[in-house]
Amino acid sequence: SGIEQTEPMHYRYIEDCPFPKKTQRKIFEICAGATVSFELVMAVIERE
């Protein structure tokens, strides 16, 4: 929506993913910036 939020970012993780949490956070931030589902992107990564 382009509206700036003031609350802290709520990170989520994929438990069985080999990436460390730091990397998953960075991916989550990329997804959040584009407003695309983190879980969907991680599913694409796993499939690809």
ModelCIF file with pLDDT and N, C-alpha, C, O atoms, coordinates in Angstrom:
data_MODEL
#
_entry.id   MODEL 
#
_entity.id                         1 
_entity.type                       polymer 
_entity.pdbx_number_of_molecules   1 
#
_entity_poly.entity_id                      1 
_entity_poly.type                           'polypeptide(L)' 
_entity_poly.nstd_linkage                   no 
_entity_poly.nstd_monomer                   no 
_entity_poly.pdbx_seq_one_letter_code       SGIEQTEPMHYRYIEDCPFPKKTQRKIFEICAGATVSFELVMAVIERE 
_entity_poly.pdbx_seq_one_letter_code_can   SGIEQTEPMHYRYIEDCPFPKKTQRKIFEICAGATVSFELVMAVIERE 
_entity_poly.pdbx_strand_id                 A 
#
loop_
_entity_poly_seq.entity_id 
_entity_poly_seq.num 
_entity_poly_seq.mon_id 
_entity_poly_seq.hetero 
1 1  SER n 
1 2  GLY n 
1 3  ILE n 
1 4  GLU n 
1 5  GLN n 
1 6  THR n 
1 7  GLU n 
1 8  PRO n 
1 9  MET n 
1 10 HIS n 
1 11 TYR n 
1 12 ARG n 
1 13 TYR n 
1 14 ILE n 
1 15 GLU n 
1 16 ASP n 
1 17 CYS n 
1 18 PRO n 
1 19 PHE n 
1 20 PRO n 
1 21 LYS n 
1 22 LYS n 
1 23 THR n 
1 24 GLN n 
1 25 ARG n 
1 26 LYS n 
1 27 ILE n 
1 28 PHE n 
1 29 GLU n 
1 30 ILE n 
1 31 CYS n 
1 32 ALA n 
1 33 GLY n 
1 34 ALA n 
1 35 THR n 
1 36 VAL n 
1 37 SER n 
1 38 PHE n 
1 39 GLU n 
1 40 LEU n 
1 41 VAL n 
1 42 MET n 
1 43 ALA n 
1 44 VAL n 
1 45 ILE n 
1 46 GLU n 
1 47 ARG n 
1 48 GLU n 
#
_struct_asym.id          A 
_struct_asym.entity_id   1 
#
loop_
_ma_qa_metric.id 
_ma_qa_metric.mode 
_ma_qa_metric.name 
_ma_qa_metric.software_group_id 
_ma_qa_metric.type 
1 global pLDDT . pLDDT 
2 local  pLDDT . pLDDT 
#
_ma_qa_metric_global.metric_id      1 
_ma_qa_metric_global.metric_value   89.02 
_ma_qa_metric_global.model_id       1 
_ma_qa_metric_global.ordinal_id     1 
#
loop_
_ma_qa_metric_local.label_asym_id 
_ma_qa_metric_local.label_comp_id 
_ma_qa_metric_local.label_seq_id 
_ma_qa_metric_local.metric_id 
_ma_qa_metric_local.metric_value 
_ma_qa_metric_local.model_id 
_ma_qa_metric_local.ordinal_id 
A SER 1  2 37.00 1 1  
A GLY 2  2 43.00 1 2  
A ILE 3  2 43.00 1 3  
A GLU 4  2 51.00 1 4  
A GLN 5  2 52.00 1 5  
A THR 6  2 57.00 1 6  
A GLU 7  2 68.00 1 7  
A PRO 8  2 82.00 1 8  
A MET 9  2 85.00 1 9  
A HIS 10 2 90.00 1 10 
A TYR 11 2 95.00 1 11 
A ARG 12 2 96.00 1 12 
A TYR 13 2 97.00 1 13 
A ILE 14 2 97.00 1 14 
A GLU 15 2 93.00 1 15 
A ASP 16 2 90.00 1 16 
A CYS 17 2 95.00 1 17 
A PRO 18 2 96.00 1 18 
A PHE 19 2 97.00 1 19 
A PRO 20 2 96.00 1 20 
A LYS 21 2 96.00 1 21 
A LYS 22 2 96.00 1 22 
A THR 23 2 97.00 1 23 
A GLN 24 2 97.00 1 24 
A ARG 25 2 97.00 1 25 
A LYS 26 2 97.00 1 26 
A ILE 27 2 98.00 1 27 
A PHE 28 2 98.00 1 28 
A GLU 29 2 97.00 1 29 
A ILE 30 2 97.00 1 30 
A CYS 31 2 97.00 1 31 
A ALA 32 2 96.00 1 32 
A GLY 33 2 94.00 1 33 
A ALA 34 2 95.00 1 34 
A THR 35 2 93.00 1 35 
A VAL 36 2 96.00 1 36 
A SER 37 2 96.00 1 37 
A PHE 38 2 98.00 1 38 
A GLU 39 2 98.00 1 39 
A LEU 40 2 98.00 1 40 
A VAL 41 2 98.00 1 41 
A MET 42 2 98.00 1 42 
A ALA 43 2 98.00 1 43 
A VAL 44 2 98.00 1 44 
A ILE 45 2 98.00 1 45 
A GLU 46 2 98.00 1 46 
A ARG 47 2 97.00 1 47 
A GLU 48 2 97.00 1 48 
#
loop_
_atom_site.group_PDB 
_atom_site.id 
_atom_site.type_symbol 
_atom_site.label_atom_id 
_atom_site.label_alt_id 
_atom_site.label_comp_id 
_atom_site.label_asym_id 
_atom_site.label_entity_id 
_atom_site.label_seq_id 
_atom_site.pdbx_PDB_ins_code 
_atom_site.Cartn_x 
_atom_site.Cartn_y 
_atom_site.Cartn_z 
_atom_site.occupancy 
_atom_site.B_iso_or_equiv 
_atom_site.pdbx_formal_charge 
_atom_site.auth_seq_id 
_atom_site.auth_comp_id 
_atom_site.auth_asym_id 
_atom_site.auth_atom_id 
_atom_site.pdbx_PDB_model_num 
ATOM 1   N N  . SER A 1 1  ? 0.817  -1.205  0.000  1.00 37.00 ? 1  SER A N  1 
ATOM 2   C CA . SER A 1 1  ? 0.000  0.000   0.000  1.00 37.00 ? 1  SER A CA 1 
ATOM 3   C C  . SER A 1 1  ? 0.851  1.257   0.000  1.00 37.00 ? 1  SER A C  1 
ATOM 4   O O  . SER A 1 1  ? 0.363  2.349   -0.291 1.00 37.00 ? 1  SER A O  1 
ATOM 5   N N  . GLY A 1 2  ? 2.137  1.096   0.330  1.00 43.00 ? 2  GLY A N  1 
ATOM 6   C CA . GLY A 1 2  ? 3.029  2.245   0.376  1.00 43.00 ? 2  GLY A CA 1 
ATOM 7   C C  . GLY A 1 2  ? 2.919  3.036   1.664  1.00 43.00 ? 2  GLY A C  1 
ATOM 8   O O  . GLY A 1 2  ? 3.558  4.079   1.801  1.00 43.00 ? 2  GLY A O  1 
ATOM 9   N N  . ILE A 1 3  ? 2.114  2.558   2.620  1.00 43.00 ? 3  ILE A N  1 
ATOM 10  C CA . ILE A 1 3  ? 1.947  3.256   3.888  1.00 43.00 ? 3  ILE A CA 1 
ATOM 11  C C  . ILE A 1 3  ? 3.022  2.796   4.853  1.00 43.00 ? 3  ILE A C  1 
ATOM 12  O O  . ILE A 1 3  ? 3.195  1.598   5.075  1.00 43.00 ? 3  ILE A O  1 
ATOM 13  N N  . GLU A 1 4  ? 3.738  3.740   5.421  1.00 51.00 ? 4  GLU A N  1 
ATOM 14  C CA . GLU A 1 4  ? 4.811  3.414   6.347  1.00 51.00 ? 4  GLU A CA 1 
ATOM 15  C C  . GLU A 1 4  ? 4.223  2.923   7.660  1.00 51.00 ? 4  GLU A C  1 
ATOM 16  O O  . GLU A 1 4  ? 3.303  3.538   8.199  1.00 51.00 ? 4  GLU A O  1 
ATOM 17  N N  . GLN A 1 5  ? 4.753  1.810   8.178  1.00 52.00 ? 5  GLN A N  1 
ATOM 18  C CA . GLN A 1 5  ? 4.289  1.250   9.428  1.00 52.00 ? 5  GLN A CA 1 
ATOM 19  C C  . GLN A 1 5  ? 5.271  1.608   10.540 1.00 52.00 ? 5  GLN A C  1 
ATOM 20  O O  . GLN A 1 5  ? 6.432  1.929   10.283 1.00 52.00 ? 5  GLN A O  1 
ATOM 21  N N  . THR A 1 6  ? 4.791  1.549   11.766 1.00 57.00 ? 6  THR A N  1 
ATOM 22  C CA . THR A 1 6  ? 5.640  1.897   12.896 1.00 57.00 ? 6  THR A CA 1 
ATOM 23  C C  . THR A 1 6  ? 5.900  0.722   13.821 1.00 57.00 ? 6  THR A C  1 
ATOM 24  O O  . THR A 1 6  ? 6.756  0.819   14.701 1.00 57.00 ? 6  THR A O  1 
ATOM 25  N N  . GLU A 1 7  ? 5.184  -0.394  13.649 1.00 68.00 ? 7  GLU A N  1 
ATOM 26  C CA . GLU A 1 7  ? 5.391  -1.542  14.506 1.00 68.00 ? 7  GLU A CA 1 
ATOM 27  C C  . GLU A 1 7  ? 6.642  -2.301  14.091 1.00 68.00 ? 7  GLU A C  1 
ATOM 28  O O  . GLU A 1 7  ? 7.071  -2.204  12.941 1.00 68.00 ? 7  GLU A O  1 
ATOM 29  N N  . PRO A 1 8  ? 7.243  -3.069  15.031 1.00 82.00 ? 8  PRO A N  1 
ATOM 30  C CA . PRO A 1 8  ? 8.400  -3.898  14.672 1.00 82.00 ? 8  PRO A CA 1 
ATOM 31  C C  . PRO A 1 8  ? 8.007  -4.939  13.636 1.00 82.00 ? 8  PRO A C  1 
ATOM 32  O O  . PRO A 1 8  ? 6.855  -5.370  13.572 1.00 82.00 ? 8  PRO A O  1 
ATOM 33  N N  . MET A 1 9  ? 8.981  -5.335  12.829 1.00 85.00 ? 9  MET A N  1 
ATOM 34  C CA . MET A 1 9  ? 8.721  -6.373  11.841 1.00 85.00 ? 9  MET A CA 1 
ATOM 35  C C  . MET A 1 9  ? 8.580  -7.720  12.540 1.00 85.00 ? 9  MET A C  1 
ATOM 36  O O  . MET A 1 9  ? 9.355  -8.034  13.443 1.00 85.00 ? 9  MET A O  1 
ATOM 37  N N  . HIS A 1 10 ? 7.613  -8.506  12.136 1.00 90.00 ? 10 HIS A N  1 
ATOM 38  C CA . HIS A 1 10 ? 7.367  -9.816  12.720 1.00 90.00 ? 10 HIS A CA 1 
ATOM 39  C C  . HIS A 1 10 ? 7.931  -10.880 11.789 1.00 90.00 ? 10 HIS A C  1 
ATOM 40  O O  . HIS A 1 10 ? 7.326  -11.218 10.772 1.00 90.00 ? 10 HIS A O  1 
ATOM 41  N N  . TYR A 1 11 ? 9.097  -11.402 12.153 1.00 95.00 ? 11 TYR A N  1 
ATOM 42  C CA . TYR A 1 11 ? 9.747  -12.377 11.292 1.00 95.00 ? 11 TYR A CA 1 
ATOM 43  C C  . TYR A 1 11 ? 9.137  -13.766 11.466 1.00 95.00 ? 11 TYR A C  1 
ATOM 44  O O  . TYR A 1 11 ? 8.643  -14.121 12.536 1.00 95.00 ? 11 TYR A O  1 
ATOM 45  N N  . ARG A 1 12 ? 9.187  -14.533 10.391 1.00 96.00 ? 12 ARG A N  1 
ATOM 46  C CA . ARG A 1 12 ? 8.793  -15.937 10.431 1.00 96.00 ? 12 ARG A CA 1 
ATOM 47  C C  . ARG A 1 12 ? 9.920  -16.765 9.820  1.00 96.00 ? 12 ARG A C  1 
ATOM 48  O O  . ARG A 1 12 ? 10.732 -16.256 9.049  1.00 96.00 ? 12 ARG A O  1 
ATOM 49  N N  . TYR A 1 13 ? 9.957  -18.044 10.175 1.00 97.00 ? 13 TYR A N  1 
ATOM 50  C CA . TYR A 1 13 ? 11.042 -18.906 9.721  1.00 97.00 ? 13 TYR A CA 1 
ATOM 51  C C  . TYR A 1 13 ? 10.492 -20.240 9.238  1.00 97.00 ? 13 TYR A C  1 
ATOM 52  O O  . TYR A 1 13 ? 9.395  -20.653 9.615  1.00 97.00 ? 13 TYR A O  1 
ATOM 53  N N  . ILE A 1 14 ? 11.275 -20.904 8.397  1.00 97.00 ? 14 ILE A N  1 
ATOM 54  C CA . ILE A 1 14 ? 10.981 -22.256 7.970  1.00 97.00 ? 14 ILE A CA 1 
ATOM 55  C C  . ILE A 1 14 ? 11.897 -23.181 8.762  1.00 97.00 ? 14 ILE A C  1 
ATOM 56  O O  . ILE A 1 14 ? 13.116 -23.145 8.598  1.00 97.00 ? 14 ILE A O  1 
ATOM 57  N N  . GLU A 1 15 ? 11.313 -24.003 9.615  1.00 93.00 ? 15 GLU A N  1 
ATOM 58  C CA . GLU A 1 15 ? 12.095 -24.779 10.576 1.00 93.00 ? 15 GLU A CA 1 
ATOM 59  C C  . GLU A 1 15 ? 13.087 -25.730 9.914  1.00 93.00 ? 15 GLU A C  1 
ATOM 60  O O  . GLU A 1 15 ? 14.227 -25.833 10.366 1.00 93.00 ? 15 GLU A O  1 
ATOM 61  N N  . ASP A 1 16 ? 12.684 -26.419 8.865  1.00 90.00 ? 16 ASP A N  1 
ATOM 62  C CA . ASP A 1 16 ? 13.557 -27.426 8.251  1.00 90.00 ? 16 ASP A CA 1 
ATOM 63  C C  . ASP A 1 16 ? 14.454 -26.865 7.156  1.00 90.00 ? 16 ASP A C  1 
ATOM 64  O O  . ASP A 1 16 ? 15.188 -27.615 6.512  1.00 90.00 ? 16 ASP A O  1 
ATOM 65  N N  . CYS A 1 17 ? 14.403 -25.577 6.942  1.00 95.00 ? 17 CYS A N  1 
ATOM 66  C CA . CYS A 1 17 ? 15.240 -24.949 5.916  1.00 95.00 ? 17 CYS A CA 1 
ATOM 67  C C  . CYS A 1 17 ? 16.700 -24.952 6.363  1.00 95.00 ? 17 CYS A C  1 
ATOM 68  O O  . CYS A 1 17 ? 16.979 -24.684 7.532  1.00 95.00 ? 17 CYS A O  1 
ATOM 69  N N  . PRO A 1 18 ? 17.646 -25.251 5.456  1.00 96.00 ? 18 PRO A N  1 
ATOM 70  C CA . PRO A 1 18 ? 19.060 -25.260 5.837  1.00 96.00 ? 18 PRO A CA 1 
ATOM 71  C C  . PRO A 1 18 ? 19.648 -23.870 6.055  1.00 96.00 ? 18 PRO A C  1 
ATOM 72  O O  . PRO A 1 18 ? 20.754 -23.752 6.583  1.00 96.00 ? 18 PRO A O  1 
ATOM 73  N N  . PHE A 1 19 ? 18.933 -22.811 5.659  1.00 97.00 ? 19 PHE A N  1 
ATOM 74  C CA . PHE A 1 19 ? 19.451 -21.470 5.848  1.00 97.00 ? 19 PHE A CA 1 
ATOM 75  C C  . PHE A 1 19 ? 19.414 -21.083 7.323  1.00 97.00 ? 19 PHE A C  1 
ATOM 76  O O  . PHE A 1 19 ? 18.459 -21.414 8.026  1.00 97.00 ? 19 PHE A O  1 
ATOM 77  N N  . PRO A 1 20 ? 20.445 -20.385 7.798  1.00 96.00 ? 20 PRO A N  1 
ATOM 78  C CA . PRO A 1 20 ? 20.375 -19.861 9.166  1.00 96.00 ? 20 PRO A CA 1 
ATOM 79  C C  . PRO A 1 20 ? 19.299 -18.786 9.277  1.00 96.00 ? 20 PRO A C  1 
ATOM 80  O O  . PRO A 1 20 ? 18.847 -18.244 8.268  1.00 96.00 ? 20 PRO A O  1 
ATOM 81  N N  . LYS A 1 21 ? 18.895 -18.485 10.501 1.00 96.00 ? 21 LYS A N  1 
ATOM 82  C CA . LYS A 1 21 ? 17.832 -17.500 10.703 1.00 96.00 ? 21 LYS A CA 1 
ATOM 83  C C  . LYS A 1 21 ? 18.202 -16.135 10.126 1.00 96.00 ? 21 LYS A C  1 
ATOM 84  O O  . LYS A 1 21 ? 17.335 -15.418 9.626  1.00 96.00 ? 21 LYS A O  1 
ATOM 85  N N  . LYS A 1 22 ? 19.478 -15.772 10.194 1.00 96.00 ? 22 LYS A N  1 
ATOM 86  C CA . LYS A 1 22 ? 19.897 -14.476 9.661  1.00 96.00 ? 22 LYS A CA 1 
ATOM 87  C C  . LYS A 1 22 ? 19.573 -14.383 8.169  1.00 96.00 ? 22 LYS A C  1 
ATOM 88  O O  . LYS A 1 22 ? 19.077 -13.356 7.706  1.00 96.00 ? 22 LYS A O  1 
ATOM 89  N N  . THR A 1 23 ? 19.849 -15.441 7.422  1.00 97.00 ? 23 THR A N  1 
ATOM 90  C CA . THR A 1 23 ? 19.550 -15.447 5.993  1.00 97.00 ? 23 THR A CA 1 
ATOM 91  C C  . THR A 1 23 ? 18.049 -15.443 5.748  1.00 97.00 ? 23 THR A C  1 
ATOM 92  O O  . THR A 1 23 ? 17.565 -14.744 4.858  1.00 97.00 ? 23 THR A O  1 
ATOM 93  N N  . GLN A 1 24 ? 17.316 -16.217 6.531  1.00 97.00 ? 24 GLN A N  1 
ATOM 94  C CA . GLN A 1 24 ? 15.861 -16.233 6.380  1.00 97.00 ? 24 GLN A CA 1 
ATOM 95  C C  . GLN A 1 24 ? 15.257 -14.866 6.672  1.00 97.00 ? 24 GLN A C  1 
ATOM 96  O O  . GLN A 1 24 ? 14.296 -14.457 6.019  1.00 97.00 ? 24 GLN A O  1 
ATOM 97  N N  . ARG A 1 25 ? 15.818 -14.156 7.652  1.00 97.00 ? 25 ARG A N  1 
ATOM 98  C CA . ARG A 1 25 ? 15.323 -12.806 7.936  1.00 97.00 ? 25 ARG A CA 1 
ATOM 99  C C  . ARG A 1 25 ? 15.523 -11.887 6.743  1.00 97.00 ? 25 ARG A C  1 
ATOM 100 O O  . ARG A 1 25 ? 14.641 -11.103 6.390  1.00 97.00 ? 25 ARG A O  1 
ATOM 101 N N  . LYS A 1 26 ? 16.688 -11.993 6.128  1.00 97.00 ? 26 LYS A N  1 
ATOM 102 C CA . LYS A 1 26 ? 16.954 -11.155 4.963  1.00 97.00 ? 26 LYS A CA 1 
ATOM 103 C C  . LYS A 1 26 ? 15.985 -11.469 3.823  1.00 97.00 ? 26 LYS A C  1 
ATOM 104 O O  . LYS A 1 26 ? 15.504 -10.563 3.143  1.00 97.00 ? 26 LYS A O  1 
ATOM 105 N N  . ILE A 1 27 ? 15.705 -12.741 3.620  1.00 98.00 ? 27 ILE A N  1 
ATOM 106 C CA . ILE A 1 27 ? 14.730 -13.125 2.592  1.00 98.00 ? 27 ILE A CA 1 
ATOM 107 C C  . ILE A 1 27 ? 13.348 -12.611 2.977  1.00 98.00 ? 27 ILE A C  1 
ATOM 108 O O  . ILE A 1 27 ? 12.601 -12.131 2.124  1.00 98.00 ? 27 ILE A O  1 
ATOM 109 N N  . PHE A 1 28 ? 13.012 -12.711 4.249  1.00 98.00 ? 28 PHE A N  1 
ATOM 110 C CA . PHE A 1 28 ? 11.718 -12.203 4.711  1.00 98.00 ? 28 PHE A CA 1 
ATOM 111 C C  . PHE A 1 28 ? 11.602 -10.707 4.434  1.00 98.00 ? 28 PHE A C  1 
ATOM 112 O O  . PHE A 1 28 ? 10.543 -10.233 4.021  1.00 98.00 ? 28 PHE A O  1 
ATOM 113 N N  . GLU A 1 29 ? 12.681 -9.963  4.658  1.00 97.00 ? 29 GLU A N  1 
ATOM 114 C CA . GLU A 1 29 ? 12.670 -8.514  4.417  1.00 97.00 ? 29 GLU A CA 1 
ATOM 115 C C  . GLU A 1 29 ? 12.447 -8.214  2.936  1.00 97.00 ? 29 GLU A C  1 
ATOM 116 O O  . GLU A 1 29 ? 11.707 -7.293  2.589  1.00 97.00 ? 29 GLU A O  1 
ATOM 117 N N  . ILE A 1 30 ? 13.086 -8.992  2.065  1.00 97.00 ? 30 ILE A N  1 
ATOM 118 C CA . ILE A 1 30 ? 12.896 -8.811  0.623  1.00 97.00 ? 30 ILE A CA 1 
ATOM 119 C C  . ILE A 1 30 ? 11.436 -9.054  0.259  1.00 97.00 ? 30 ILE A C  1 
ATOM 120 O O  . ILE A 1 30 ? 10.838 -8.281  -0.489 1.00 97.00 ? 30 ILE A O  1 
ATOM 121 N N  . CYS A 1 31 ? 10.870 -10.128 0.791  1.00 97.00 ? 31 CYS A N  1 
ATOM 122 C CA . CYS A 1 31 ? 9.466  -10.454 0.518  1.00 97.00 ? 31 CYS A CA 1 
ATOM 123 C C  . CYS A 1 31 ? 8.542  -9.367  1.059  1.00 97.00 ? 31 CYS A C  1 
ATOM 124 O O  . CYS A 1 31 ? 7.589  -8.962  0.393  1.00 97.00 ? 31 CYS A O  1 
ATOM 125 N N  . ALA A 1 32 ? 8.829  -8.902  2.266  1.00 96.00 ? 32 ALA A N  1 
ATOM 126 C CA . ALA A 1 32 ? 7.993  -7.865  2.875  1.00 96.00 ? 32 ALA A CA 1 
ATOM 127 C C  . ALA A 1 32 ? 8.040  -6.588  2.054  1.00 96.00 ? 32 ALA A C  1 
ATOM 128 O O  . ALA A 1 32 ? 7.022  -5.916  1.888  1.00 96.00 ? 32 ALA A O  1 
ATOM 129 N N  . GLY A 1 33 ? 9.214  -6.253  1.541  1.00 94.00 ? 33 GLY A N  1 
ATOM 130 C CA . GLY A 1 33 ? 9.341  -5.042  0.740  1.00 94.00 ? 33 GLY A CA 1 
ATOM 131 C C  . GLY A 1 33 ? 8.529  -5.095  -0.534 1.00 94.00 ? 33 GLY A C  1 
ATOM 132 O O  . GLY A 1 33 ? 8.059  -4.069  -1.025 1.00 94.00 ? 33 GLY A O  1 
ATOM 133 N N  . ALA A 1 34 ? 8.361  -6.303  -1.076 1.00 95.00 ? 34 ALA A N  1 
ATOM 134 C CA . ALA A 1 34 ? 7.573  -6.480  -2.301 1.00 95.00 ? 34 ALA A CA 1 
ATOM 135 C C  . ALA A 1 34 ? 6.135  -6.881  -1.995 1.00 95.00 ? 34 ALA A C  1 
ATOM 136 O O  . ALA A 1 34 ? 5.309  -6.974  -2.903 1.00 95.00 ? 34 ALA A O  1 
ATOM 137 N N  . THR A 1 35 ? 5.834  -7.119  -0.729 1.00 93.00 ? 35 THR A N  1 
ATOM 138 C CA . THR A 1 35 ? 4.536  -7.636  -0.277 1.00 93.00 ? 35 THR A CA 1 
ATOM 139 C C  . THR A 1 35 ? 4.160  -8.908  -1.027 1.00 93.00 ? 35 THR A C  1 
ATOM 140 O O  . THR A 1 35 ? 3.060  -9.040  -1.563 1.00 93.00 ? 35 THR A O  1 
ATOM 141 N N  . VAL A 1 36 ? 5.107  -9.832  -1.046 1.00 96.00 ? 36 VAL A N  1 
ATOM 142 C CA . VAL A 1 36 ? 4.896  -11.168 -1.586 1.00 96.00 ? 36 VAL A CA 1 
ATOM 143 C C  . VAL A 1 36 ? 5.116  -12.153 -0.443 1.00 96.00 ? 36 VAL A C  1 
ATOM 144 O O  . VAL A 1 36 ? 6.024  -11.967 0.368  1.00 96.00 ? 36 VAL A O  1 
ATOM 145 N N  . SER A 1 37 ? 4.307  -13.184 -0.372 1.00 96.00 ? 37 SER A N  1 
ATOM 146 C CA . SER A 1 37 ? 4.356  -14.134 0.729  1.00 96.00 ? 37 SER A CA 1 
ATOM 147 C C  . SER A 1 37 ? 5.741  -14.758 0.900  1.00 96.00 ? 37 SER A C  1 
ATOM 148 O O  . SER A 1 37 ? 6.305  -15.313 -0.044 1.00 96.00 ? 37 SER A O  1 
ATOM 149 N N  . PHE A 1 38 ? 6.276  -14.659 2.109  1.00 98.00 ? 38 PHE A N  1 
ATOM 150 C CA . PHE A 1 38 ? 7.550  -15.287 2.450  1.00 98.00 ? 38 PHE A CA 1 
ATOM 151 C C  . PHE A 1 38 ? 7.473  -16.794 2.257  1.00 98.00 ? 38 PHE A C  1 
ATOM 152 O O  . PHE A 1 38 ? 8.378  -17.400 1.683  1.00 98.00 ? 38 PHE A O  1 
ATOM 153 N N  . GLU A 1 39 ? 6.384  -17.401 2.741  1.00 98.00 ? 39 GLU A N  1 
ATOM 154 C CA . GLU A 1 39 ? 6.236  -18.848 2.628  1.00 98.00 ? 39 GLU A CA 1 
ATOM 155 C C  . GLU A 1 39 ? 6.161  -19.296 1.169  1.00 98.00 ? 39 GLU A C  1 
ATOM 156 O O  . GLU A 1 39 ? 6.697  -20.343 0.806  1.00 98.00 ? 39 GLU A O  1 
ATOM 157 N N  . LEU A 1 40 ? 5.502  -18.510 0.348  1.00 98.00 ? 40 LEU A N  1 
ATOM 158 C CA . LEU A 1 40 ? 5.410  -18.848 -1.070 1.00 98.00 ? 40 LEU A CA 1 
ATOM 159 C C  . LEU A 1 40 ? 6.779  -18.771 -1.735 1.00 98.00 ? 40 LEU A C  1 
ATOM 160 O O  . LEU A 1 40 ? 7.135  -19.649 -2.522 1.00 98.00 ? 40 LEU A O  1 
ATOM 161 N N  . VAL A 1 41 ? 7.544  -17.738 -1.430 1.00 98.00 ? 41 VAL A N  1 
ATOM 162 C CA . VAL A 1 41 ? 8.885  -17.593 -2.003 1.00 98.00 ? 41 VAL A CA 1 
ATOM 163 C C  . VAL A 1 41 ? 9.783  -18.739 -1.549 1.00 98.00 ? 41 VAL A C  1 
ATOM 164 O O  . VAL A 1 41 ? 10.545 -19.282 -2.349 1.00 98.00 ? 41 VAL A O  1 
ATOM 165 N N  . MET A 1 42 ? 9.700  -19.106 -0.283 1.00 98.00 ? 42 MET A N  1 
ATOM 166 C CA . MET A 1 42 ? 10.518 -20.218 0.205  1.00 98.00 ? 42 MET A CA 1 
ATOM 167 C C  . MET A 1 42 ? 10.118 -21.525 -0.471 1.00 98.00 ? 42 MET A C  1 
ATOM 168 O O  . MET A 1 42 ? 10.965 -22.384 -0.716 1.00 98.00 ? 42 MET A O  1 
ATOM 169 N N  . ALA A 1 43 ? 8.837  -21.675 -0.771 1.00 98.00 ? 43 ALA A N  1 
ATOM 170 C CA . ALA A 1 43 ? 8.389  -22.864 -1.494 1.00 98.00 ? 43 ALA A CA 1 
ATOM 171 C C  . ALA A 1 43 ? 8.934  -22.879 -2.918 1.00 98.00 ? 43 ALA A C  1 
ATOM 172 O O  . ALA A 1 43 ? 9.308  -23.935 -3.429 1.00 98.00 ? 43 ALA A O  1 
ATOM 173 N N  . VAL A 1 44 ? 8.981  -21.711 -3.562 1.00 98.00 ? 44 VAL A N  1 
ATOM 174 C CA . VAL A 1 44 ? 9.579  -21.615 -4.897 1.00 98.00 ? 44 VAL A CA 1 
ATOM 175 C C  . VAL A 1 44 ? 11.059 -21.981 -4.836 1.00 98.00 ? 44 VAL A C  1 
ATOM 176 O O  . VAL A 1 44 ? 11.551 -22.725 -5.684 1.00 98.00 ? 44 VAL A O  1 
ATOM 177 N N  . ILE A 1 45 ? 11.767 -21.460 -3.837 1.00 98.00 ? 45 ILE A N  1 
ATOM 178 C CA . ILE A 1 45 ? 13.193 -21.754 -3.698 1.00 98.00 ? 45 ILE A CA 1 
ATOM 179 C C  . ILE A 1 45 ? 13.418 -23.253 -3.523 1.00 98.00 ? 45 ILE A C  1 
ATOM 180 O O  . ILE A 1 45 ? 14.307 -23.831 -4.147 1.00 98.00 ? 45 ILE A O  1 
ATOM 181 N N  . GLU A 1 46 ? 12.614 -23.870 -2.678 1.00 98.00 ? 46 GLU A N  1 
ATOM 182 C CA . GLU A 1 46 ? 12.767 -25.317 -2.466 1.00 98.00 ? 46 GLU A CA 1 
ATOM 183 C C  . GLU A 1 46 ? 12.530 -26.082 -3.760 1.00 98.00 ? 46 GLU A C  1 
ATOM 184 O O  . GLU A 1 46 ? 13.275 -27.008 -4.082 1.00 98.00 ? 46 GLU A O  1 
ATOM 185 N N  . ARG A 1 47 ? 11.494 -25.699 -4.505 1.00 97.00 ? 47 ARG A N  1 
ATOM 186 C CA . ARG A 1 47 ? 11.180 -26.401 -5.755 1.00 97.00 ? 47 ARG A CA 1 
ATOM 187 C C  . ARG A 1 47 ? 12.251 -26.154 -6.812 1.00 97.00 ? 47 ARG A C  1 
ATOM 188 O O  . ARG A 1 47 ? 12.638 -27.080 -7.525 1.00 97.00 ? 47 ARG A O  1 
ATOM 189 N N  . GLU A 1 48 ? 12.730 -24.931 -6.920 1.00 97.00 ? 48 GLU A N  1 
ATOM 190 C CA . GLU A 1 48 ? 13.670 -24.573 -7.989 1.00 97.00 ? 48 GLU A CA 1 
ATOM 191 C C  . GLU A 1 48 ? 15.077 -25.111 -7.749 1.00 97.00 ? 48 GLU A C  1 
ATOM 192 O O  . GLU A 1 48 ? 15.971 -24.888 -8.566 1.00 97.00 ? 48 GLU A O  1 
#
